Amino acid sequence: GHETFLAPMNSRNNFFVAAKVIHLNHAGASPSPPRVVSCLAQHQVAEQELGGYRAQAQAQYRVEAVYEKAASLIHAKKTEIALVESATVAWTRLFYSFCAAVEKRDQDKSKQNIILVSEAEYAANLVAACEWARSHQGWTVLTLPSKINSYGRSTGKV
């Protein structure tokens, strides 16, 4: 069996996590801080007692506060803040918006646009780049080759 141990302090909330595994992949899969778990549990109880729509309406001020605090943090307007379900969705929306803006700016359809990607590009990013290039005239995806060290591994340098 596995022994339970106290994982290192989580810098987001300064608490110890009793764990049976060490989480090295925190790409959206980190254990939630206790106050997040508590808030979610309270909301589920509210949904059970009031129904989903009323519970959401009562919690709306919390959602608005997130937009306001995020905007304040980066000196933006709350209408310039977008909350999405994952980093992949955020990156993809940003990427498509950027490409669309470039295309709108450059009315010359004969102009060639190049999307540069690394050999170690995150798969979802690569799919978005290839999909854009396939479905829009004048776009090409090129891979930047990595330098390889004596062990046959990428140095991370172009």
N, C-alpha and C. Protein backbone atom coordinates (compact mmCIF):
# COMPACT_ATOMS: atom_id res chain seq x y z
N GLY A 1 0.81 -1.19 0.00
CA GLY A 1 0.00 0.00 0.00
C GLY A 1 0.85 1.26 0.00
N HIS A 2 0.19 2.35 -0.16
CA HIS A 2 0.84 3.65 -0.15
C HIS A 2 0.71 4.29 1.22
N GLU A 3 1.76 4.98 1.65
CA GLU A 3 1.68 5.71 2.90
C GLU A 3 1.15 7.11 2.64
N THR A 4 0.37 7.61 3.58
CA THR A 4 -0.10 9.00 3.50
C THR A 4 0.99 9.87 4.12
N PHE A 5 1.26 10.99 3.52
CA PHE A 5 2.26 11.91 4.03
C PHE A 5 1.78 13.33 3.79
N LEU A 6 2.44 14.28 4.40
CA LEU A 6 2.10 15.68 4.18
C LEU A 6 2.93 16.22 3.04
N ALA A 7 2.26 16.64 2.00
CA ALA A 7 2.95 17.22 0.85
C ALA A 7 3.43 18.62 1.23
N PRO A 8 4.35 19.19 0.45
CA PRO A 8 4.85 20.54 0.75
C PRO A 8 3.71 21.55 0.79
N MET A 9 4.00 22.67 1.48
CA MET A 9 2.99 23.71 1.59
C MET A 9 2.60 24.22 0.22
N ASN A 10 1.34 24.43 0.03
CA ASN A 10 0.83 24.98 -1.21
C ASN A 10 0.92 26.50 -1.11
N SER A 11 1.67 27.13 -2.00
CA SER A 11 1.91 28.57 -1.91
C SER A 11 0.64 29.38 -2.12
N ARG A 12 -0.38 28.80 -2.75
CA ARG A 12 -1.62 29.56 -2.98
C ARG A 12 -2.38 29.80 -1.69
N ASN A 13 -2.25 28.91 -0.73
CA ASN A 13 -3.08 29.04 0.46
C ASN A 13 -2.35 28.68 1.75
N ASN A 14 -1.07 28.38 1.66
CA ASN A 14 -0.27 28.02 2.82
C ASN A 14 -0.90 26.92 3.67
N PHE A 15 -1.18 25.80 3.08
CA PHE A 15 -1.71 24.67 3.82
C PHE A 15 -0.99 23.41 3.38
N PHE A 16 -1.00 22.43 4.26
CA PHE A 16 -0.41 21.14 3.92
C PHE A 16 -1.50 20.23 3.37
N VAL A 17 -1.15 19.43 2.41
CA VAL A 17 -2.11 18.52 1.79
C VAL A 17 -1.74 17.10 2.17
N ALA A 18 -2.67 16.39 2.79
CA ALA A 18 -2.43 14.97 3.05
C ALA A 18 -2.61 14.27 1.71
N ALA A 19 -1.58 13.56 1.28
CA ALA A 19 -1.65 12.99 -0.06
C ALA A 19 -1.06 11.59 -0.09
N LYS A 20 -1.50 10.82 -1.07
CA LYS A 20 -0.92 9.51 -1.31
C LYS A 20 -0.04 9.54 -2.54
N VAL A 21 -0.07 10.65 -3.24
CA VAL A 21 0.76 10.82 -4.43
C VAL A 21 1.37 12.21 -4.40
N ILE A 22 2.48 12.35 -5.07
CA ILE A 22 3.10 13.66 -5.22
C ILE A 22 2.65 14.20 -6.57
N HIS A 23 2.05 15.38 -6.57
CA HIS A 23 1.54 15.98 -7.80
C HIS A 23 2.64 16.77 -8.49
N LEU A 24 3.18 16.22 -9.56
CA LEU A 24 4.20 16.91 -10.34
C LEU A 24 3.61 17.58 -11.57
N ASN A 25 2.43 17.16 -11.97
CA ASN A 25 1.77 17.74 -13.14
C ASN A 25 0.63 18.61 -12.64
N HIS A 26 0.88 19.91 -12.57
CA HIS A 26 -0.14 20.83 -12.07
C HIS A 26 -0.85 21.55 -13.20
N ALA A 27 -0.90 20.96 -14.37
CA ALA A 27 -1.57 21.58 -15.51
C ALA A 27 -3.08 21.43 -15.34
N GLY A 28 -3.62 22.21 -14.44
CA GLY A 28 -5.06 22.17 -14.20
C GLY A 28 -5.51 21.00 -13.35
N ALA A 29 -4.57 20.26 -12.76
CA ALA A 29 -4.94 19.08 -12.00
C ALA A 29 -4.47 19.13 -10.55
N SER A 30 -4.15 20.31 -10.05
CA SER A 30 -3.69 20.44 -8.67
C SER A 30 -4.85 20.19 -7.71
N PRO A 31 -4.54 19.70 -6.51
CA PRO A 31 -5.60 19.60 -5.50
C PRO A 31 -6.12 21.00 -5.17
N SER A 32 -7.42 21.11 -4.98
CA SER A 32 -8.02 22.41 -4.67
C SER A 32 -7.73 22.80 -3.22
N PRO A 33 -7.53 24.09 -2.96
CA PRO A 33 -7.36 24.55 -1.58
C PRO A 33 -8.64 24.29 -0.79
N PRO A 34 -8.54 24.09 0.52
CA PRO A 34 -9.73 23.80 1.34
C PRO A 34 -10.85 24.83 1.19
N ARG A 35 -10.52 26.10 1.07
CA ARG A 35 -11.60 27.09 0.98
C ARG A 35 -12.35 26.98 -0.36
N VAL A 36 -11.68 26.51 -1.41
CA VAL A 36 -12.37 26.28 -2.69
C VAL A 36 -13.31 25.08 -2.55
N VAL A 37 -12.82 24.01 -1.94
CA VAL A 37 -13.65 22.82 -1.72
C VAL A 37 -14.87 23.20 -0.88
N SER A 38 -14.66 23.99 0.16
CA SER A 38 -15.76 24.43 1.03
C SER A 38 -16.78 25.26 0.26
N CYS A 39 -16.31 26.19 -0.54
CA CYS A 39 -17.20 27.05 -1.32
C CYS A 39 -18.02 26.22 -2.31
N LEU A 40 -17.39 25.28 -2.98
CA LEU A 40 -18.10 24.41 -3.92
C LEU A 40 -19.16 23.56 -3.20
N ALA A 41 -18.80 23.04 -2.03
CA ALA A 41 -19.74 22.23 -1.27
C ALA A 41 -20.94 23.07 -0.83
N GLN A 42 -20.68 24.30 -0.38
CA GLN A 42 -21.78 25.19 0.02
C GLN A 42 -22.69 25.49 -1.17
N HIS A 43 -22.09 25.68 -2.34
CA HIS A 43 -22.91 25.97 -3.52
C HIS A 43 -23.75 24.76 -3.92
N GLN A 44 -23.19 23.57 -3.79
CA GLN A 44 -23.97 22.37 -4.11
C GLN A 44 -25.17 22.22 -3.17
N VAL A 45 -24.96 22.55 -1.90
CA VAL A 45 -26.07 22.51 -0.94
C VAL A 45 -27.13 23.54 -1.35
N ALA A 46 -26.68 24.75 -1.72
CA ALA A 46 -27.62 25.79 -2.15
C ALA A 46 -28.39 25.34 -3.40
N GLU A 47 -27.72 24.69 -4.33
CA GLU A 47 -28.41 24.19 -5.53
C GLU A 47 -29.46 23.15 -5.16
N GLN A 48 -29.13 22.30 -4.21
CA GLN A 48 -30.07 21.27 -3.77
C GLN A 48 -31.29 21.89 -3.10
N GLU A 49 -31.08 22.94 -2.31
CA GLU A 49 -32.17 23.57 -1.57
C GLU A 49 -32.98 24.56 -2.41
N LEU A 50 -32.30 25.30 -3.29
CA LEU A 50 -32.95 26.40 -4.02
C LEU A 50 -33.18 26.11 -5.49
N GLY A 51 -32.43 25.16 -6.03
CA GLY A 51 -32.41 24.95 -7.47
C GLY A 51 -31.22 25.69 -8.06
N GLY A 52 -30.76 25.21 -9.20
CA GLY A 52 -29.54 25.75 -9.80
C GLY A 52 -29.60 27.22 -10.16
N TYR A 53 -30.72 27.66 -10.75
CA TYR A 53 -30.81 29.05 -11.20
C TYR A 53 -30.80 30.04 -10.03
N ARG A 54 -31.57 29.73 -8.97
CA ARG A 54 -31.59 30.65 -7.81
C ARG A 54 -30.25 30.64 -7.09
N ALA A 55 -29.64 29.47 -6.98
CA ALA A 55 -28.33 29.39 -6.32
C ALA A 55 -27.30 30.20 -7.09
N GLN A 56 -27.35 30.10 -8.42
CA GLN A 56 -26.42 30.88 -9.25
C GLN A 56 -26.67 32.37 -9.08
N ALA A 57 -27.93 32.76 -9.07
CA ALA A 57 -28.27 34.19 -8.92
C ALA A 57 -27.75 34.72 -7.59
N GLN A 58 -27.86 33.92 -6.54
CA GLN A 58 -27.37 34.35 -5.23
C GLN A 58 -25.85 34.43 -5.18
N ALA A 59 -25.18 33.64 -6.00
CA ALA A 59 -23.71 33.63 -6.00
C ALA A 59 -23.12 34.58 -7.05
N GLN A 60 -23.94 35.23 -7.84
CA GLN A 60 -23.46 36.07 -8.95
C GLN A 60 -22.51 37.16 -8.48
N TYR A 61 -22.73 37.71 -7.28
CA TYR A 61 -21.84 38.77 -6.78
C TYR A 61 -20.40 38.27 -6.65
N ARG A 62 -20.23 36.99 -6.37
CA ARG A 62 -18.87 36.43 -6.27
C ARG A 62 -18.20 36.39 -7.65
N VAL A 63 -18.97 36.03 -8.65
CA VAL A 63 -18.43 35.99 -10.02
C VAL A 63 -18.04 37.40 -10.45
N GLU A 64 -18.91 38.37 -10.20
CA GLU A 64 -18.62 39.77 -10.54
C GLU A 64 -17.37 40.25 -9.82
N ALA A 65 -17.20 39.84 -8.58
CA ALA A 65 -16.02 40.25 -7.80
C ALA A 65 -14.74 39.73 -8.44
N VAL A 66 -14.78 38.53 -9.02
CA VAL A 66 -13.59 37.97 -9.68
C VAL A 66 -13.19 38.86 -10.86
N TYR A 67 -14.17 39.25 -11.67
CA TYR A 67 -13.88 40.13 -12.82
C TYR A 67 -13.30 41.46 -12.34
N GLU A 68 -13.90 42.03 -11.30
CA GLU A 68 -13.44 43.33 -10.79
C GLU A 68 -12.03 43.23 -10.22
N LYS A 69 -11.76 42.20 -9.44
CA LYS A 69 -10.43 42.05 -8.83
C LYS A 69 -9.36 41.75 -9.88
N ALA A 70 -9.68 40.90 -10.85
CA ALA A 70 -8.72 40.59 -11.91
C ALA A 70 -8.42 41.85 -12.73
N ALA A 71 -9.44 42.61 -13.04
CA ALA A 71 -9.25 43.85 -13.81
C ALA A 71 -8.40 44.83 -13.02
N SER A 72 -8.67 44.97 -11.76
CA SER A 72 -7.90 45.88 -10.91
C SER A 72 -6.43 45.45 -10.84
N LEU A 73 -6.21 44.16 -10.75
CA LEU A 73 -4.85 43.62 -10.65
C LEU A 73 -3.99 44.00 -11.85
N ILE A 74 -4.58 44.00 -13.04
CA ILE A 74 -3.80 44.28 -14.25
C ILE A 74 -4.15 45.63 -14.88
N HIS A 75 -4.85 46.46 -14.11
CA HIS A 75 -5.22 47.82 -14.57
C HIS A 75 -6.00 47.77 -15.87
N ALA A 76 -7.04 46.95 -15.88
CA ALA A 76 -7.90 46.80 -17.06
C ALA A 76 -9.34 47.09 -16.65
N LYS A 77 -10.22 47.05 -17.62
CA LYS A 77 -11.66 47.15 -17.35
C LYS A 77 -12.19 45.74 -17.14
N LYS A 78 -13.21 45.61 -16.32
CA LYS A 78 -13.74 44.25 -16.10
C LYS A 78 -14.32 43.65 -17.37
N THR A 79 -14.70 44.49 -18.32
CA THR A 79 -15.20 43.98 -19.60
C THR A 79 -14.08 43.42 -20.48
N GLU A 80 -12.83 43.66 -20.08
CA GLU A 80 -11.68 43.14 -20.83
C GLU A 80 -11.17 41.82 -20.24
N ILE A 81 -11.84 41.32 -19.23
CA ILE A 81 -11.44 40.07 -18.57
C ILE A 81 -12.32 38.94 -19.09
N ALA A 82 -11.69 37.82 -19.41
CA ALA A 82 -12.44 36.64 -19.85
C ALA A 82 -12.07 35.46 -18.95
N LEU A 83 -13.07 34.85 -18.38
CA LEU A 83 -12.86 33.64 -17.60
C LEU A 83 -13.30 32.47 -18.46
N VAL A 84 -12.41 31.51 -18.63
CA VAL A 84 -12.73 30.32 -19.41
C VAL A 84 -12.36 29.08 -18.62
N GLU A 85 -12.77 27.93 -19.11
CA GLU A 85 -12.64 26.70 -18.35
C GLU A 85 -11.23 26.11 -18.31
N SER A 86 -10.34 26.55 -19.19
CA SER A 86 -8.99 25.98 -19.18
C SER A 86 -8.00 26.89 -19.90
N ALA A 87 -6.73 26.65 -19.65
CA ALA A 87 -5.68 27.40 -20.33
C ALA A 87 -5.70 27.11 -21.83
N THR A 88 -6.05 25.89 -22.20
CA THR A 88 -6.12 25.53 -23.62
C THR A 88 -7.18 26.36 -24.33
N VAL A 89 -8.35 26.47 -23.72
CA VAL A 89 -9.43 27.27 -24.32
C VAL A 89 -8.99 28.73 -24.40
N ALA A 90 -8.37 29.25 -23.35
CA ALA A 90 -7.91 30.64 -23.35
C ALA A 90 -6.89 30.87 -24.46
N TRP A 91 -5.90 29.99 -24.56
CA TRP A 91 -4.86 30.16 -25.58
C TRP A 91 -5.47 30.08 -26.97
N THR A 92 -6.35 29.12 -27.20
CA THR A 92 -6.95 28.94 -28.52
C THR A 92 -7.77 30.16 -28.92
N ARG A 93 -8.56 30.68 -28.00
CA ARG A 93 -9.35 31.88 -28.32
C ARG A 93 -8.45 33.06 -28.64
N LEU A 94 -7.39 33.22 -27.85
CA LEU A 94 -6.45 34.31 -28.10
C LEU A 94 -5.78 34.13 -29.47
N PHE A 95 -5.34 32.93 -29.76
CA PHE A 95 -4.67 32.64 -31.02
C PHE A 95 -5.57 32.94 -32.21
N TYR A 96 -6.80 32.42 -32.20
CA TYR A 96 -7.72 32.66 -33.31
C TYR A 96 -8.05 34.14 -33.45
N SER A 97 -8.20 34.84 -32.33
CA SER A 97 -8.49 36.28 -32.38
C SER A 97 -7.32 37.04 -32.98
N PHE A 98 -6.11 36.66 -32.59
CA PHE A 98 -4.92 37.31 -33.12
C PHE A 98 -4.82 37.08 -34.63
N CYS A 99 -4.98 35.85 -35.06
CA CYS A 99 -4.91 35.54 -36.50
C CYS A 99 -5.98 36.28 -37.28
N ALA A 100 -7.19 36.34 -36.74
CA ALA A 100 -8.28 37.05 -37.41
C ALA A 100 -7.97 38.53 -37.52
N ALA A 101 -7.35 39.11 -36.48
CA ALA A 101 -6.98 40.52 -36.52
C ALA A 101 -5.90 40.78 -37.56
N VAL A 102 -4.93 39.88 -37.67
CA VAL A 102 -3.88 40.01 -38.69
C VAL A 102 -4.51 39.93 -40.07
N GLU A 103 -5.42 38.99 -40.26
CA GLU A 103 -6.07 38.82 -41.55
C GLU A 103 -6.92 40.05 -41.91
N LYS A 104 -7.60 40.60 -40.93
CA LYS A 104 -8.43 41.80 -41.17
C LYS A 104 -7.55 43.00 -41.51
N ARG A 105 -6.42 43.12 -40.80
CA ARG A 105 -5.51 44.23 -41.03
C ARG A 105 -4.88 44.15 -42.42
N ASP A 106 -4.48 42.95 -42.81
CA ASP A 106 -3.81 42.75 -44.10
C ASP A 106 -4.83 42.36 -45.15
N GLN A 107 -5.34 43.32 -45.87
CA GLN A 107 -6.36 43.06 -46.89
C GLN A 107 -5.77 42.37 -48.13
N ASP A 108 -4.44 42.43 -48.28
CA ASP A 108 -3.77 41.82 -49.42
C ASP A 108 -3.76 40.30 -49.24
N LYS A 109 -4.65 39.60 -49.94
CA LYS A 109 -4.78 38.14 -49.78
C LYS A 109 -3.61 37.37 -50.37
N SER A 110 -2.77 38.04 -51.17
CA SER A 110 -1.62 37.34 -51.74
C SER A 110 -0.46 37.28 -50.75
N LYS A 111 -0.58 38.02 -49.65
CA LYS A 111 0.48 38.04 -48.64
C LYS A 111 0.52 36.70 -47.90
N GLN A 112 1.73 36.21 -47.67
CA GLN A 112 1.91 34.95 -46.96
C GLN A 112 2.09 35.22 -45.47
N ASN A 113 1.32 34.56 -44.63
CA ASN A 113 1.44 34.66 -43.17
C ASN A 113 2.01 33.35 -42.65
N ILE A 114 2.99 33.46 -41.77
CA ILE A 114 3.66 32.27 -41.25
C ILE A 114 3.43 32.17 -39.75
N ILE A 115 3.02 30.99 -39.31
CA ILE A 115 2.86 30.69 -37.88
C ILE A 115 4.04 29.82 -37.50
N LEU A 116 4.88 30.30 -36.58
CA LEU A 116 6.04 29.54 -36.13
C LEU A 116 5.68 28.75 -34.88
N VAL A 117 6.04 27.48 -34.86
CA VAL A 117 5.82 26.62 -33.70
C VAL A 117 7.13 25.93 -33.35
N SER A 118 7.24 25.49 -32.11
CA SER A 118 8.44 24.75 -31.71
C SER A 118 8.20 23.26 -31.90
N GLU A 119 9.28 22.50 -31.85
CA GLU A 119 9.16 21.04 -31.96
C GLU A 119 8.45 20.46 -30.74
N ALA A 120 8.49 21.20 -29.64
CA ALA A 120 7.86 20.72 -28.41
C ALA A 120 6.55 21.45 -28.13
N GLU A 121 5.90 21.91 -29.18
CA GLU A 121 4.65 22.68 -29.03
C GLU A 121 3.57 21.83 -28.36
N TYR A 122 2.82 22.44 -27.49
CA TYR A 122 1.69 21.77 -26.86
C TYR A 122 0.72 21.35 -27.96
N ALA A 123 0.25 20.12 -27.90
CA ALA A 123 -0.54 19.55 -29.00
C ALA A 123 -1.75 20.39 -29.38
N ALA A 124 -2.48 20.90 -28.41
CA ALA A 124 -3.68 21.69 -28.72
C ALA A 124 -3.30 22.97 -29.47
N ASN A 125 -2.16 23.56 -29.13
CA ASN A 125 -1.71 24.76 -29.83
C ASN A 125 -1.39 24.43 -31.29
N LEU A 126 -0.74 23.31 -31.49
CA LEU A 126 -0.37 22.88 -32.84
C LEU A 126 -1.62 22.58 -33.67
N VAL A 127 -2.60 21.94 -33.06
CA VAL A 127 -3.85 21.65 -33.77
C VAL A 127 -4.51 22.96 -34.20
N ALA A 128 -4.55 23.95 -33.30
CA ALA A 128 -5.16 25.24 -33.63
C ALA A 128 -4.42 25.91 -34.78
N ALA A 129 -3.09 25.90 -34.74
CA ALA A 129 -2.29 26.53 -35.79
C ALA A 129 -2.53 25.84 -37.14
N CYS A 130 -2.50 24.52 -37.14
CA CYS A 130 -2.70 23.78 -38.39
C CYS A 130 -4.12 23.96 -38.92
N GLU A 131 -5.09 23.95 -38.04
CA GLU A 131 -6.49 24.15 -38.45
C GLU A 131 -6.66 25.53 -39.08
N TRP A 132 -6.07 26.55 -38.46
CA TRP A 132 -6.18 27.91 -39.02
C TRP A 132 -5.53 27.96 -40.41
N ALA A 133 -4.33 27.41 -40.51
CA ALA A 133 -3.60 27.46 -41.79
C ALA A 133 -4.35 26.70 -42.88
N ARG A 134 -4.94 25.56 -42.54
CA ARG A 134 -5.69 24.77 -43.52
C ARG A 134 -6.95 25.49 -44.01
N SER A 135 -7.58 26.23 -43.13
CA SER A 135 -8.88 26.81 -43.47
C SER A 135 -8.79 28.28 -43.91
N HIS A 136 -7.59 28.85 -43.96
CA HIS A 136 -7.43 30.25 -44.37
C HIS A 136 -6.31 30.36 -45.41
N GLN A 137 -6.64 30.95 -46.53
CA GLN A 137 -5.68 31.10 -47.63
C GLN A 137 -4.50 31.97 -47.19
N GLY A 138 -3.30 31.56 -47.59
CA GLY A 138 -2.10 32.36 -47.35
C GLY A 138 -1.44 32.16 -46.00
N TRP A 139 -1.83 31.13 -45.27
CA TRP A 139 -1.23 30.86 -43.96
C TRP A 139 -0.46 29.54 -44.03
N THR A 140 0.72 29.53 -43.39
CA THR A 140 1.58 28.35 -43.36
C THR A 140 2.09 28.16 -41.94
N VAL A 141 2.22 26.92 -41.51
CA VAL A 141 2.81 26.60 -40.21
C VAL A 141 4.21 26.06 -40.46
N LEU A 142 5.19 26.65 -39.80
CA LEU A 142 6.58 26.18 -39.89
C LEU A 142 7.07 25.83 -38.50
N THR A 143 7.83 24.75 -38.42
CA THR A 143 8.40 24.31 -37.15
C THR A 143 9.83 24.81 -37.02
N LEU A 144 10.11 25.44 -35.88
CA LEU A 144 11.47 25.87 -35.59
C LEU A 144 12.24 24.66 -35.07
N PRO A 145 13.31 24.26 -35.74
CA PRO A 145 14.05 23.09 -35.26
C PRO A 145 14.83 23.43 -34.00
N SER A 146 14.91 22.48 -33.11
CA SER A 146 15.68 22.66 -31.88
C SER A 146 17.10 22.17 -32.09
N LYS A 147 18.04 22.81 -31.40
CA LYS A 147 19.40 22.29 -31.40
C LYS A 147 19.43 21.06 -30.50
N ILE A 148 20.18 20.06 -30.91
CA ILE A 148 20.26 18.80 -30.18
C ILE A 148 21.62 18.70 -29.51
N ASN A 149 21.63 18.28 -28.24
CA ASN A 149 22.90 18.12 -27.54
C ASN A 149 23.51 16.75 -27.84
N SER A 150 24.63 16.45 -27.22
CA SER A 150 25.34 15.20 -27.51
C SER A 150 24.57 13.97 -27.04
N TYR A 151 23.55 14.15 -26.21
CA TYR A 151 22.72 13.03 -25.75
C TYR A 151 21.49 12.83 -26.64
N GLY A 152 21.38 13.63 -27.71
CA GLY A 152 20.25 13.51 -28.61
C GLY A 152 19.00 14.20 -28.10
N ARG A 153 19.16 15.08 -27.11
CA ARG A 153 18.01 15.79 -26.55
C ARG A 153 18.04 17.25 -26.95
N SER A 154 16.87 17.84 -27.04
CA SER A 154 16.77 19.25 -27.40
C SER A 154 17.40 20.12 -26.32
N THR A 155 18.10 21.16 -26.77
CA THR A 155 18.68 22.12 -25.82
C THR A 155 17.67 23.22 -25.49
N GLY A 156 16.57 23.24 -26.21
CA GLY A 156 15.59 24.30 -26.02
C GLY A 156 15.95 25.56 -26.78
N LYS A 157 17.03 25.51 -27.53
CA LYS A 157 17.49 26.66 -28.31
C LYS A 157 17.26 26.38 -29.79
N VAL A 158 17.02 27.45 -30.52
CA VAL A 158 16.80 27.33 -31.96
C VAL A 158 18.11 27.50 -32.68
